[in-house]
Amino acid sequence: MKTKVYLIRHAETTGNIEKRLTGRQDYELTISGKDSTIKLAKKLKDIRFDKIYSSTSKRTLETIEPLSKLNNIEIEQLEDLCEMYFGIYDGWKWEEVNKIDPQIKENQNKINEIYGIPEQETMKDVADRMYNCISKIVSENIGKNILICSHGVAIEAFLRKVVNLEFKYEREKFCQHNCALNKVVFENGKFIIQDYLADISFLKDYQKDFEENEL
């Protein structure tokens, strides 16, 4: 029996605009981010979700609130769906980090991983945490449609664990832009990415309709 998981990164926040390491620190959705939540709801309006989950961050909760209302389902918040904890630099702007330790950004540019920050989670820690959490959600909801809203690094770590692919490969393919949509099917004891991988095309598809509705 197939269990379908729709996995979404939160919409744009002020922290994203300010180029911060937006881990466990939380930030408000921008106007553009709020617009994206409406487009996301339009994209998925014909899917009947049985369960809806988010991290404990306000930005994930607000991203899928329109879909929660459409489906008349309360959002369950789970700590294990949260973003990577960036240690002592969590919430800092990249420009501030670069002044102290430019090697961190240089490493990310080379291999697409953030490491070397005191007290931070590792990519493996995040991947294992996300995989275990989503596996538990699926085991409790076999055959159902599940909506999950999480974060960029966390989602990418989970998806790369599913396909056993290191972060340095196929960077753009797996890059989770704000409000990116992914679909994973669980069947016969394994996850398979299906139909959507880091898809944001719907944000452009519905832009014209959204602008006309605003007039």
Protein backbone atom coordinates (compact mmCIF):
# COMPACT_ATOMS: atom_id res chain seq x y z
CA MET A 1 0.00 0.00 0.00
CA LYS A 2 1.39 3.39 -1.01
CA THR A 3 1.78 6.18 1.51
CA LYS A 4 2.26 9.58 -0.11
CA VAL A 5 4.29 12.27 1.62
CA TYR A 6 4.27 15.85 0.32
CA LEU A 7 7.29 17.58 1.81
CA ILE A 8 7.52 21.37 1.63
CA ARG A 9 10.12 23.91 2.65
CA HIS A 10 8.71 26.95 4.44
CA ALA A 11 8.00 30.16 2.52
CA GLU A 12 10.40 33.10 2.39
CA THR A 13 11.22 34.87 5.66
CA THR A 14 12.99 38.04 6.70
CA GLY A 15 15.87 35.81 7.82
CA ASN A 16 16.24 34.49 4.27
CA ILE A 17 16.27 38.01 2.86
CA GLU A 18 18.93 39.03 5.39
CA LYS A 19 20.99 35.93 4.47
CA ARG A 20 21.06 34.51 7.95
CA LEU A 21 21.83 31.01 9.16
CA THR A 22 18.17 30.47 9.90
CA GLY A 23 18.27 27.33 11.98
CA ARG A 24 16.37 27.22 15.25
CA GLN A 25 15.97 31.01 15.34
CA ASP A 26 12.60 32.00 13.87
CA TYR A 27 11.65 34.82 11.50
CA GLU A 28 8.48 36.31 10.05
CA LEU A 29 7.27 35.47 6.56
CA THR A 30 7.81 38.25 4.05
CA ILE A 31 4.99 39.59 1.87
CA SER A 32 6.33 37.44 -0.95
CA GLY A 33 6.42 34.47 1.41
CA LYS A 34 2.78 34.96 2.37
CA ASP A 35 1.87 35.17 -1.32
CA SER A 36 3.64 31.86 -1.88
CA THR A 37 1.52 30.11 0.77
CA ILE A 38 -1.58 31.01 -1.24
CA LYS A 39 -0.05 29.66 -4.45
CA LEU A 40 0.99 26.49 -2.65
CA ALA A 41 -2.56 25.99 -1.38
CA LYS A 42 -3.86 26.43 -4.91
CA LYS A 43 -1.37 23.87 -6.22
CA LEU A 44 -2.42 21.23 -3.70
CA LYS A 45 -6.09 22.15 -3.25
CA ASP A 46 -7.39 18.97 -4.91
CA ILE A 47 -5.44 16.62 -2.65
CA ARG A 48 -7.22 15.43 0.45
CA PHE A 49 -4.64 15.21 3.22
CA ASP A 50 -5.21 12.85 6.10
CA LYS A 51 -2.48 14.25 8.37
CA ILE A 52 -0.51 17.50 8.40
CA TYR A 53 2.76 18.07 10.25
CA SER A 54 5.26 20.90 10.66
CA SER A 55 8.34 21.70 12.68
CA THR A 56 7.89 23.76 15.82
CA SER A 57 8.97 26.92 13.98
CA LYS A 58 6.32 29.55 13.30
CA ARG A 59 7.48 29.94 9.70
CA THR A 60 6.61 26.34 8.82
CA LEU A 61 3.28 26.52 10.62
CA GLU A 62 2.23 29.65 8.74
CA THR A 63 3.35 28.22 5.38
CA ILE A 64 0.79 25.41 5.48
CA GLU A 65 -1.99 27.08 7.46
CA PRO A 66 -4.04 27.71 4.27
CA LEU A 67 -3.87 23.98 3.45
CA SER A 68 -4.70 23.10 7.04
CA LYS A 69 -7.86 25.19 6.76
CA LEU A 70 -8.77 23.72 3.36
CA ASN A 71 -8.50 20.21 4.78
CA ASN A 72 -10.00 21.12 8.16
CA ILE A 73 -7.09 19.41 9.92
CA GLU A 74 -4.99 20.69 12.79
CA ILE A 75 -1.24 20.87 12.23
CA GLU A 76 0.85 18.62 14.48
CA GLN A 77 4.21 20.19 15.34
CA LEU A 78 7.26 18.00 15.86
CA GLU A 79 10.69 19.07 17.13
CA ASP A 80 12.44 16.49 14.95
CA LEU A 81 11.23 18.28 11.79
CA CYS A 82 13.17 21.42 12.74
CA GLU A 83 16.07 22.88 10.78
CA MET A 84 19.70 22.07 11.46
CA TYR A 85 20.99 23.76 14.60
CA PHE A 86 23.85 26.01 13.52
CA GLY A 87 25.49 26.05 16.92
CA ILE A 88 26.85 29.32 18.25
CA TYR A 89 26.17 31.04 14.91
CA ASP A 90 22.49 30.11 14.74
CA GLY A 91 20.61 33.19 13.55
CA TRP A 92 23.75 35.10 12.55
CA LYS A 93 24.08 36.78 9.17
CA TRP A 94 26.57 35.12 6.85
CA GLU A 95 28.51 38.38 6.62
CA GLU A 96 29.00 38.27 10.39
CA VAL A 97 30.16 34.65 10.29
CA ASN A 98 32.56 35.40 7.43
CA LYS A 99 34.33 38.05 9.49
CA ILE A 100 35.13 35.48 12.17
CA ASP A 101 35.57 32.26 10.18
CA PRO A 102 35.39 32.59 6.37
CA GLN A 103 36.37 28.92 6.02
CA ILE A 104 32.83 27.84 6.91
CA LYS A 105 31.34 29.51 3.83
CA GLU A 106 34.26 28.38 1.68
CA ASN A 107 33.61 24.79 2.71
CA GLN A 108 29.91 25.15 1.89
CA ASN A 109 30.73 26.54 -1.55
CA LYS A 110 33.03 23.58 -2.24
CA ILE A 111 31.02 20.62 -1.00
CA ASN A 112 27.55 22.02 -0.19
CA GLU A 113 27.83 21.20 3.51
CA ILE A 114 27.94 23.47 6.53
CA TYR A 115 30.38 22.27 9.16
CA GLY A 116 32.98 23.58 11.56
CA ILE A 117 30.64 25.67 13.73
CA PRO A 118 31.03 24.97 17.46
CA GLU A 119 28.06 23.07 18.93
CA GLN A 120 26.26 22.65 15.58
CA GLU A 121 24.45 19.55 14.36
CA THR A 122 26.17 17.58 11.62
CA MET A 123 24.56 16.88 8.25
CA LYS A 124 24.40 13.21 9.22
CA ASP A 125 22.68 14.07 12.50
CA VAL A 126 20.03 16.05 10.62
CA ALA A 127 19.56 13.36 7.96
CA ASP A 128 19.13 10.62 10.57
CA ARG A 129 16.77 12.74 12.67
CA MET A 130 14.56 13.60 9.70
CA TYR A 131 14.59 10.06 8.32
CA ASN A 132 13.62 8.54 11.66
CA CYS A 133 10.89 11.12 12.23
CA ILE A 134 9.31 10.76 8.78
CA SER A 135 9.59 6.97 8.96
CA LYS A 136 7.65 7.04 12.23
CA ILE A 137 5.00 9.35 10.72
CA VAL A 138 4.59 7.01 7.76
CA SER A 139 4.39 3.89 9.96
CA GLU A 140 1.49 5.48 11.81
CA ASN A 141 -0.32 6.53 8.62
CA ILE A 142 0.03 3.68 6.12
CA GLY A 143 -1.87 4.30 2.88
CA LYS A 144 -2.64 7.92 3.68
CA ASN A 145 -1.75 11.33 2.18
CA ILE A 146 0.60 13.23 4.46
CA LEU A 147 1.69 16.88 4.29
CA ILE A 148 4.90 17.92 6.05
CA CYS A 149 6.45 21.40 6.21
CA SER A 150 10.07 21.59 7.26
CA HIS A 151 13.29 23.41 6.30
CA GLY A 152 15.83 23.61 3.50
CA VAL A 153 18.83 21.75 4.91
CA ALA A 154 16.63 19.29 6.82
CA ILE A 155 14.58 18.33 3.77
CA GLU A 156 17.60 18.04 1.49
CA ALA A 157 19.37 15.88 4.07
CA PHE A 158 16.38 13.54 4.23
CA LEU A 159 16.02 13.26 0.46
CA ARG A 160 19.72 12.62 -0.04
CA LYS A 161 19.60 9.86 2.58
CA VAL A 162 16.67 8.32 0.68
CA VAL A 163 18.70 8.13 -2.55
CA ASN A 164 22.11 7.71 -0.83
CA LEU A 165 23.65 10.75 -2.52
CA GLU A 166 26.26 13.03 -0.95
CA PHE A 167 25.59 16.78 -0.71
CA LYS A 168 28.33 17.68 -3.19
CA TYR A 169 26.54 16.00 -6.09
CA GLU A 170 23.60 17.39 -8.13
CA ARG A 171 23.41 20.52 -6.02
CA GLU A 172 20.85 22.44 -8.05
CA LYS A 173 18.61 19.41 -8.50
CA PHE A 174 18.18 18.95 -4.75
CA CYS A 175 18.36 22.64 -3.74
CA GLN A 176 15.32 23.51 -1.64
CA HIS A 177 14.27 27.04 -2.49
CA ASN A 178 11.56 28.64 -0.37
CA CYS A 179 8.24 26.82 -0.69
CA ALA A 180 9.83 24.00 -2.72
CA LEU A 181 7.57 20.98 -3.14
CA ASN A 182 8.74 17.37 -2.95
CA LYS A 183 6.74 14.16 -3.13
CA VAL A 184 7.96 10.91 -1.64
CA VAL A 185 6.08 7.60 -1.82
CA PHE A 186 6.61 4.90 0.79
CA GLU A 187 5.92 1.38 -0.44
CA ASN A 188 7.33 -2.08 0.28
CA GLY A 189 9.51 -0.73 3.07
CA LYS A 190 11.28 2.00 1.12
CA PHE A 191 10.95 5.67 0.16
CA ILE A 192 10.94 6.71 -3.51
CA ILE A 193 11.01 10.31 -4.77
CA GLN A 194 8.11 10.68 -7.20
CA ASP A 195 6.67 13.48 -9.38
CA TYR A 196 8.15 16.44 -7.49
CA LEU A 197 11.71 17.21 -6.40
CA ALA A 198 12.44 20.74 -5.17
CA ASP A 199 9.68 22.00 -7.48
CA ILE A 200 8.84 25.72 -7.42
CA SER A 201 7.36 25.97 -10.92
CA PHE A 202 3.88 26.38 -9.47
CA LEU A 203 4.90 29.72 -7.94
CA LYS A 204 5.28 31.09 -11.48
CA ASP A 205 2.31 29.14 -12.84
CA TYR A 206 -0.05 30.86 -10.43
CA GLN A 207 1.57 34.30 -10.45
CA LYS A 208 -0.70 35.67 -13.20
CA ASP A 209 -3.84 34.36 -11.52
CA PHE A 210 -2.73 35.76 -8.20
CA GLU A 211 -2.02 39.21 -9.63
CA GLU A 212 -5.40 39.31 -11.36
CA ASN A 213 -7.15 38.34 -8.10
CA GLU A 214 -5.37 41.16 -6.32
CA LEU A 215 -6.63 43.82 -8.75
